[in-house]
Amino acid sequence: MKKKYVVASALALAMSLGLVTSPKAEASSSAKYSIKQYKSTKKYKHGIKAIFIYQLPQISGKTAAVKKINKSLRKAYTSELKRMKEVYKDAKWSEREKLSHSSYWDKLKVHVTYNKNNVISFRYDQDIHPAGSGTYLIGSWTYSLKTGKKLTVFDVAEGDKSSVGAQLYYGAVDLGADDEYLRTTHASKMNCKHPIAEYIKIPS
């Protein structure tokens, strides 16, 4: 039986636990943005198909910070195109094996979870279904609108690294994360690009 797993980034998990707050108080500033969806569907013999969906956010403006953020977001999209090729490869394999009505996909959808105090944060939900086990990823991209710098969970959550890391750790355990894994990869050593909860099983 095929299984699906979910992996949450430290920053996305912090948001779900209510740990993320505004940074140091300053004049409120938000950003205008757009989200463009790219979609590609390929159909093969025997009712097999491959689907790629990617929502790319872009900030409006021409400042150095905005250009830096948009470049970072586009880089993530370019990187994902490599996975798209793997999805097509799996579908092609199914066609050769005559595995009727099989579907393969990589779907990434984005929405804004925070946009004020010169900080913008995008949460993404990504459903990947290649040959074998599927994976559901929950992650985030958070940036300073003043500098364009990518921020970590420790930049935007109240408390020191030790207290924030502890809350993430026990919150992940409550959500079903593997305790042995978390003991060896503690949240206090992570930034928002690393997974805090590894392979939490959810129903297929």
C-alpha atoms as a PDB file:
ATOM      1  CA  MET A   1       0.000   0.000   0.000  1.00  0.00           C
ATOM      2  CA  LYS A   2       1.275   3.427  -0.873  1.00  0.00           C
ATOM      3  CA  LYS A   3       1.794   5.695   2.125  1.00  0.00           C
ATOM      4  CA  LYS A   4       1.788   9.452   2.310  1.00  0.00           C
ATOM      5  CA  TYR A   5       3.988  11.378   4.701  1.00  0.00           C
ATOM      6  CA  VAL A   6       4.043  14.982   5.829  1.00  0.00           C
ATOM      7  CA  VAL A   7       7.116  17.056   6.610  1.00  0.00           C
ATOM      8  CA  ALA A   8       6.789  20.464   8.262  1.00  0.00           C
ATOM      9  CA  SER A   9       9.461  23.153   8.327  1.00  0.00           C
ATOM     10  CA  ALA A  10      10.362  24.762  11.635  1.00  0.00           C
ATOM     11  CA  LEU A  11       8.846  28.106  10.643  1.00  0.00           C
ATOM     12  CA  ALA A  12       5.603  26.631   9.340  1.00  0.00           C
ATOM     13  CA  LEU A  13       5.284  24.546  12.502  1.00  0.00           C
ATOM     14  CA  ALA A  14       5.905  27.649  14.641  1.00  0.00           C
ATOM     15  CA  MET A  15       3.017  29.368  12.888  1.00  0.00           C
ATOM     16  CA  SER A  16       0.697  26.446  13.507  1.00  0.00           C
ATOM     17  CA  LEU A  17       1.658  26.498  17.198  1.00  0.00           C
ATOM     18  CA  GLY A  18       1.092  30.258  17.435  1.00  0.00           C
ATOM     19  CA  LEU A  19       4.731  31.074  18.240  1.00  0.00           C
ATOM     20  CA  VAL A  20       5.339  33.559  15.455  1.00  0.00           C
ATOM     21  CA  THR A  21       4.868  37.204  16.368  1.00  0.00           C
ATOM     22  CA  SER A  22       5.864  40.498  14.817  1.00  0.00           C
ATOM     23  CA  PRO A  23       9.561  41.443  15.080  1.00  0.00           C
ATOM     24  CA  LYS A  24      10.717  44.408  17.104  1.00  0.00           C
ATOM     25  CA  ALA A  25       8.101  47.157  17.002  1.00  0.00           C
ATOM     26  CA  GLU A  26       8.504  49.585  14.136  1.00  0.00           C
ATOM     27  CA  ALA A  27       6.381  51.511  11.666  1.00  0.00           C
ATOM     28  CA  SER A  28       4.031  49.038  10.016  1.00  0.00           C
ATOM     29  CA  SER A  29       4.729  48.307   6.373  1.00  0.00           C
ATOM     30  CA  SER A  30       3.229  45.625   4.162  1.00  0.00           C
ATOM     31  CA  ALA A  31       3.872  44.593   0.566  1.00  0.00           C
ATOM     32  CA  LYS A  32       1.756  44.218  -2.522  1.00  0.00           C
ATOM     33  CA  TYR A  33       2.279  40.896  -4.221  1.00  0.00           C
ATOM     34  CA  SER A  34       0.932  38.592  -6.884  1.00  0.00           C
ATOM     35  CA  ILE A  35       0.856  34.809  -7.197  1.00  0.00           C
ATOM     36  CA  LYS A  36       1.188  33.314 -10.666  1.00  0.00           C
ATOM     37  CA  GLN A  37       0.215  29.702 -11.213  1.00  0.00           C
ATOM     38  CA  TYR A  38       2.121  27.476 -13.602  1.00  0.00           C
ATOM     39  CA  LYS A  39       0.376  24.291 -14.641  1.00  0.00           C
ATOM     40  CA  SER A  40       1.416  21.518 -16.982  1.00  0.00           C
ATOM     41  CA  THR A  41      -0.416  18.259 -17.623  1.00  0.00           C
ATOM     42  CA  LYS A  42       0.870  15.435 -19.780  1.00  0.00           C
ATOM     43  CA  LYS A  43      -1.239  12.468 -20.810  1.00  0.00           C
ATOM     44  CA  TYR A  44       0.160   9.085 -21.734  1.00  0.00           C
ATOM     45  CA  LYS A  45      -1.233   5.806 -23.005  1.00  0.00           C
ATOM     46  CA  HIS A  46      -3.403   3.595 -20.810  1.00  0.00           C
ATOM     47  CA  GLY A  47      -5.026   6.580 -19.056  1.00  0.00           C
ATOM     48  CA  ILE A  48      -1.804   7.630 -17.329  1.00  0.00           C
ATOM     49  CA  LYS A  49      -1.107  11.298 -16.649  1.00  0.00           C
ATOM     50  CA  ALA A  50       1.382  13.592 -14.929  1.00  0.00           C
ATOM     51  CA  ILE A  51       0.473  16.942 -13.369  1.00  0.00           C
ATOM     52  CA  PHE A  52       2.726  19.815 -12.303  1.00  0.00           C
ATOM     53  CA  ILE A  53       1.296  22.851 -10.499  1.00  0.00           C
ATOM     54  CA  TYR A  54       3.410  25.602  -8.976  1.00  0.00           C
ATOM     55  CA  GLN A  55       2.274  28.931  -7.532  1.00  0.00           C
ATOM     56  CA  LEU A  56       5.059  31.504  -7.715  1.00  0.00           C
ATOM     57  CA  PRO A  57       4.678  34.609  -5.519  1.00  0.00           C
ATOM     58  CA  GLN A  58       6.341  37.872  -6.520  1.00  0.00           C
ATOM     59  CA  ILE A  59       6.545  41.156  -4.611  1.00  0.00           C
ATOM     60  CA  SER A  60       5.607  44.416  -6.339  1.00  0.00           C
ATOM     61  CA  GLY A  61       8.248  47.159  -6.421  1.00  0.00           C
ATOM     62  CA  LYS A  62      11.731  47.971  -7.647  1.00  0.00           C
ATOM     63  CA  THR A  63      13.762  48.318  -4.465  1.00  0.00           C
ATOM     64  CA  ALA A  64      16.901  46.265  -3.899  1.00  0.00           C
ATOM     65  CA  ALA A  65      15.112  44.293  -1.163  1.00  0.00           C
ATOM     66  CA  VAL A  66      12.172  43.451  -3.430  1.00  0.00           C
ATOM     67  CA  LYS A  67      14.492  42.328  -6.225  1.00  0.00           C
ATOM     68  CA  LYS A  68      16.381  40.117  -3.780  1.00  0.00           C
ATOM     69  CA  ILE A  69      13.169  38.492  -2.514  1.00  0.00           C
ATOM     70  CA  ASN A  70      11.792  37.880  -5.996  1.00  0.00           C
ATOM     71  CA  LYS A  71      15.086  36.366  -7.122  1.00  0.00           C
ATOM     72  CA  SER A  72      15.010  33.978  -4.157  1.00  0.00           C
ATOM     73  CA  LEU A  73      11.428  32.945  -4.895  1.00  0.00           C
ATOM     74  CA  ARG A  74      12.164  32.393  -8.584  1.00  0.00           C
ATOM     75  CA  LYS A  75      15.177  30.270  -7.643  1.00  0.00           C
ATOM     76  CA  ALA A  76      12.888  27.978  -5.649  1.00  0.00           C
ATOM     77  CA  TYR A  77      10.635  27.623  -8.698  1.00  0.00           C
ATOM     78  CA  THR A  78      13.554  26.831 -11.007  1.00  0.00           C
ATOM     79  CA  SER A  79      14.718  24.172  -8.588  1.00  0.00           C
ATOM     80  CA  GLU A  80      11.269  22.579  -8.548  1.00  0.00           C
ATOM     81  CA  LEU A  81      11.303  22.189 -12.318  1.00  0.00           C
ATOM     82  CA  LYS A  82      13.858  19.416 -11.800  1.00  0.00           C
ATOM     83  CA  ARG A  83      11.314  17.500  -9.729  1.00  0.00           C
ATOM     84  CA  MET A  84       8.732  18.048 -12.461  1.00  0.00           C
ATOM     85  CA  LYS A  85      10.964  16.079 -14.824  1.00  0.00           C
ATOM     86  CA  GLU A  86      11.013  13.227 -12.320  1.00  0.00           C
ATOM     87  CA  VAL A  87       7.207  13.184 -12.244  1.00  0.00           C
ATOM     88  CA  TYR A  88       7.124  12.904 -16.038  1.00  0.00           C
ATOM     89  CA  LYS A  89       9.758  10.184 -15.889  1.00  0.00           C
ATOM     90  CA  ASP A  90       7.626   8.152 -13.456  1.00  0.00           C
ATOM     91  CA  ALA A  91       4.571   8.527 -15.663  1.00  0.00           C
ATOM     92  CA  LYS A  92       6.573   7.402 -18.687  1.00  0.00           C
ATOM     93  CA  TRP A  93       7.697   4.340 -16.752  1.00  0.00           C
ATOM     94  CA  SER A  94       4.078   3.507 -15.928  1.00  0.00           C
ATOM     95  CA  GLU A  95       3.232   3.806 -19.589  1.00  0.00           C
ATOM     96  CA  ARG A  96       5.899   1.247 -20.471  1.00  0.00           C
ATOM     97  CA  GLU A  97       4.674  -1.044 -17.694  1.00  0.00           C
ATOM     98  CA  LYS A  98       1.046  -0.544 -18.783  1.00  0.00           C
ATOM     99  CA  LEU A  99      -0.071   0.494 -15.291  1.00  0.00           C
ATOM    100  CA  SER A 100      -3.495   1.750 -16.360  1.00  0.00           C
ATOM    101  CA  HIS A 101      -4.969   4.982 -14.967  1.00  0.00           C
ATOM    102  CA  SER A 102      -1.959   5.849 -12.812  1.00  0.00           C
ATOM    103  CA  SER A 103      -1.438   9.498 -11.937  1.00  0.00           C
ATOM    104  CA  TYR A 104       1.665  11.310 -10.777  1.00  0.00           C
ATOM    105  CA  TRP A 105       1.876  14.892  -9.613  1.00  0.00           C
ATOM    106  CA  ASP A 106       3.816  17.667  -7.940  1.00  0.00           C
ATOM    107  CA  LYS A 107       1.477  20.389  -6.689  1.00  0.00           C
ATOM    108  CA  LEU A 108       2.712  23.396  -4.731  1.00  0.00           C
ATOM    109  CA  LYS A 109       0.234  26.033  -3.564  1.00  0.00           C
ATOM    110  CA  VAL A 110       1.043  29.235  -1.704  1.00  0.00           C
ATOM    111  CA  HIS A 111      -0.735  31.733   0.517  1.00  0.00           C
ATOM    112  CA  VAL A 112       0.424  34.654   2.651  1.00  0.00           C
ATOM    113  CA  THR A 113       0.296  34.145   6.407  1.00  0.00           C
ATOM    114  CA  TYR A 114       1.919  37.427   7.530  1.00  0.00           C
ATOM    115  CA  ASN A 115       2.375  40.760   5.771  1.00  0.00           C
ATOM    116  CA  LYS A 116       3.093  43.696   8.061  1.00  0.00           C
ATOM    117  CA  ASN A 117       5.853  45.247  10.186  1.00  0.00           C
ATOM    118  CA  ASN A 118       8.223  45.011   7.187  1.00  0.00           C
ATOM    119  CA  VAL A 119       7.965  41.216   7.122  1.00  0.00           C
ATOM    120  CA  ILE A 120       6.175  38.983   4.632  1.00  0.00           C
ATOM    121  CA  SER A 121       5.727  35.247   5.026  1.00  0.00           C
ATOM    122  CA  PHE A 122       4.433  32.769   2.468  1.00  0.00           C
ATOM    123  CA  ARG A 123       3.301  29.313   3.521  1.00  0.00           C
ATOM    124  CA  TYR A 124       3.426  26.603   0.884  1.00  0.00           C
ATOM    125  CA  ASP A 125       1.673  23.242   0.848  1.00  0.00           C
ATOM    126  CA  GLN A 126       3.213  20.742  -1.533  1.00  0.00           C
ATOM    127  CA  ASP A 127       1.718  17.402  -2.485  1.00  0.00           C
ATOM    128  CA  ILE A 128       4.173  15.110  -4.276  1.00  0.00           C
ATOM    129  CA  HIS A 129       3.073  11.759  -5.652  1.00  0.00           C
ATOM    130  CA  PRO A 130       5.823   9.978  -7.570  1.00  0.00           C
ATOM    131  CA  ALA A 131       6.145   6.215  -7.941  1.00  0.00           C
ATOM    132  CA  GLY A 132       6.048   4.743  -4.426  1.00  0.00           C
ATOM    133  CA  SER A 133       5.248   6.707  -1.271  1.00  0.00           C
ATOM    134  CA  GLY A 134       3.767  10.182  -1.545  1.00  0.00           C
ATOM    135  CA  THR A 135       4.887  13.162   0.513  1.00  0.00           C
ATOM    136  CA  TYR A 136       3.023  16.206   1.798  1.00  0.00           C
ATOM    137  CA  LEU A 137       5.299  19.138   2.616  1.00  0.00           C
ATOM    138  CA  ILE A 138       4.398  22.183   4.670  1.00  0.00           C
ATOM    139  CA  GLY A 139       6.972  24.943   4.537  1.00  0.00           C
ATOM    140  CA  SER A 140       7.446  28.677   4.354  1.00  0.00           C
ATOM    141  CA  TRP A 141       9.446  31.516   2.901  1.00  0.00           C
ATOM    142  CA  THR A 142       9.755  34.535   5.195  1.00  0.00           C
ATOM    143  CA  TYR A 143      11.573  37.735   4.278  1.00  0.00           C
ATOM    144  CA  SER A 144      12.439  41.163   5.602  1.00  0.00           C
ATOM    145  CA  LEU A 145      10.897  43.788   3.331  1.00  0.00           C
ATOM    146  CA  LYS A 146      13.624  46.208   4.394  1.00  0.00           C
ATOM    147  CA  THR A 147      16.668  44.077   3.538  1.00  0.00           C
ATOM    148  CA  GLY A 148      15.327  41.233   1.408  1.00  0.00           C
ATOM    149  CA  LYS A 149      16.974  38.785   3.799  1.00  0.00           C
ATOM    150  CA  LYS A 150      15.356  35.400   4.336  1.00  0.00           C
ATOM    151  CA  LEU A 151      14.339  35.116   7.988  1.00  0.00           C
ATOM    152  CA  THR A 152      14.428  32.086  10.266  1.00  0.00           C
ATOM    153  CA  VAL A 153      11.942  31.067  12.940  1.00  0.00           C
ATOM    154  CA  PHE A 154      14.259  32.587  15.562  1.00  0.00           C
ATOM    155  CA  ASP A 155      14.093  35.980  13.840  1.00  0.00           C
ATOM    156  CA  VAL A 156      10.321  36.224  14.132  1.00  0.00           C
ATOM    157  CA  ALA A 157       9.332  34.310  17.271  1.00  0.00           C
ATOM    158  CA  GLU A 158       9.466  35.752  20.776  1.00  0.00           C
ATOM    159  CA  GLY A 159      11.982  34.304  23.194  1.00  0.00           C
ATOM    160  CA  ASP A 160      15.544  33.060  22.913  1.00  0.00           C
ATOM    161  CA  LYS A 161      16.662  30.109  20.811  1.00  0.00           C
ATOM    162  CA  SER A 162      16.434  27.719  23.718  1.00  0.00           C
ATOM    163  CA  SER A 163      12.810  28.524  24.611  1.00  0.00           C
ATOM    164  CA  VAL A 164      11.623  28.673  20.980  1.00  0.00           C
ATOM    165  CA  GLY A 165      13.433  25.445  20.162  1.00  0.00           C
ATOM    166  CA  ALA A 166      11.865  23.695  23.144  1.00  0.00           C
ATOM    167  CA  GLN A 167       8.351  24.792  22.166  1.00  0.00           C
ATOM    168  CA  LEU A 168       8.911  23.596  18.602  1.00  0.00           C
ATOM    169  CA  TYR A 169      10.310  20.312  19.823  1.00  0.00           C
ATOM    170  CA  TYR A 170       7.430  19.431  22.129  1.00  0.00           C
ATOM    171  CA  GLY A 171       4.863  20.828  19.720  1.00  0.00           C
ATOM    172  CA  ALA A 172       6.208  18.544  16.988  1.00  0.00           C
ATOM    173  CA  VAL A 173       6.096  15.565  19.334  1.00  0.00           C
ATOM    174  CA  ASP A 174       2.463  16.350  20.181  1.00  0.00           C
ATOM    175  CA  LEU A 175       1.708  16.381  16.455  1.00  0.00           C
ATOM    176  CA  GLY A 176       3.235  12.924  16.067  1.00  0.00           C
ATOM    177  CA  ALA A 177       6.878  13.507  15.145  1.00  0.00           C
ATOM    178  CA  ASP A 178       9.384  10.723  15.736  1.00  0.00           C
ATOM    179  CA  ASP A 179      10.841  11.440  19.185  1.00  0.00           C
ATOM    180  CA  GLU A 180      14.123   9.647  18.463  1.00  0.00           C
ATOM    181  CA  TYR A 181      14.686  11.781  15.366  1.00  0.00           C
ATOM    182  CA  LEU A 182      13.929  14.992  17.224  1.00  0.00           C
ATOM    183  CA  ARG A 183      16.372  14.115  19.994  1.00  0.00           C
ATOM    184  CA  THR A 184      19.177  13.952  17.454  1.00  0.00           C
ATOM    185  CA  THR A 185      18.062  16.958  15.383  1.00  0.00           C
ATOM    186  CA  HIS A 186      16.921  19.518  17.936  1.00  0.00           C
ATOM    187  CA  ALA A 187      14.988  22.563  16.723  1.00  0.00           C
ATOM    188  CA  SER A 188      17.418  24.960  18.405  1.00  0.00           C
ATOM    189  CA  LYS A 189      20.009  23.936  15.787  1.00  0.00           C
ATOM    190  CA  MET A 190      17.654  24.460  12.872  1.00  0.00           C
ATOM    191  CA  ASN A 191      16.590  27.355  10.729  1.00  0.00           C
ATOM    192  CA  CYS A 192      13.401  27.602   8.707  1.00  0.00           C
ATOM    193  CA  LYS A 193      14.885  25.635   5.803  1.00  0.00           C
ATOM    194  CA  HIS A 194      15.202  22.426   7.816  1.00  0.00           C
ATOM    195  CA  PRO A 195      12.388  19.991   8.680  1.00  0.00           C
ATOM    196  CA  ILE A 196      11.270  19.924  12.320  1.00  0.00           C
ATOM    197  CA  ALA A 197       8.954  16.948  11.964  1.00  0.00           C
ATOM    198  CA  GLU A 198      10.134  14.027   9.898  1.00  0.00           C
ATOM    199  CA  TYR A 199       7.727  11.705   8.118  1.00  0.00           C
ATOM    200  CA  ILE A 200       4.610  11.930  10.254  1.00  0.00           C
ATOM    201  CA  LYS A 201       2.275   9.254   8.921  1.00  0.00           C
ATOM    202  CA  ILE A 202      -1.171  10.360   7.796  1.00  0.00           C
ATOM    203  CA  PRO A 203      -3.924   8.263   6.176  1.00  0.00           C
ATOM    204  CA  SER A 204      -3.347   7.292   2.552  1.00  0.00           C
END
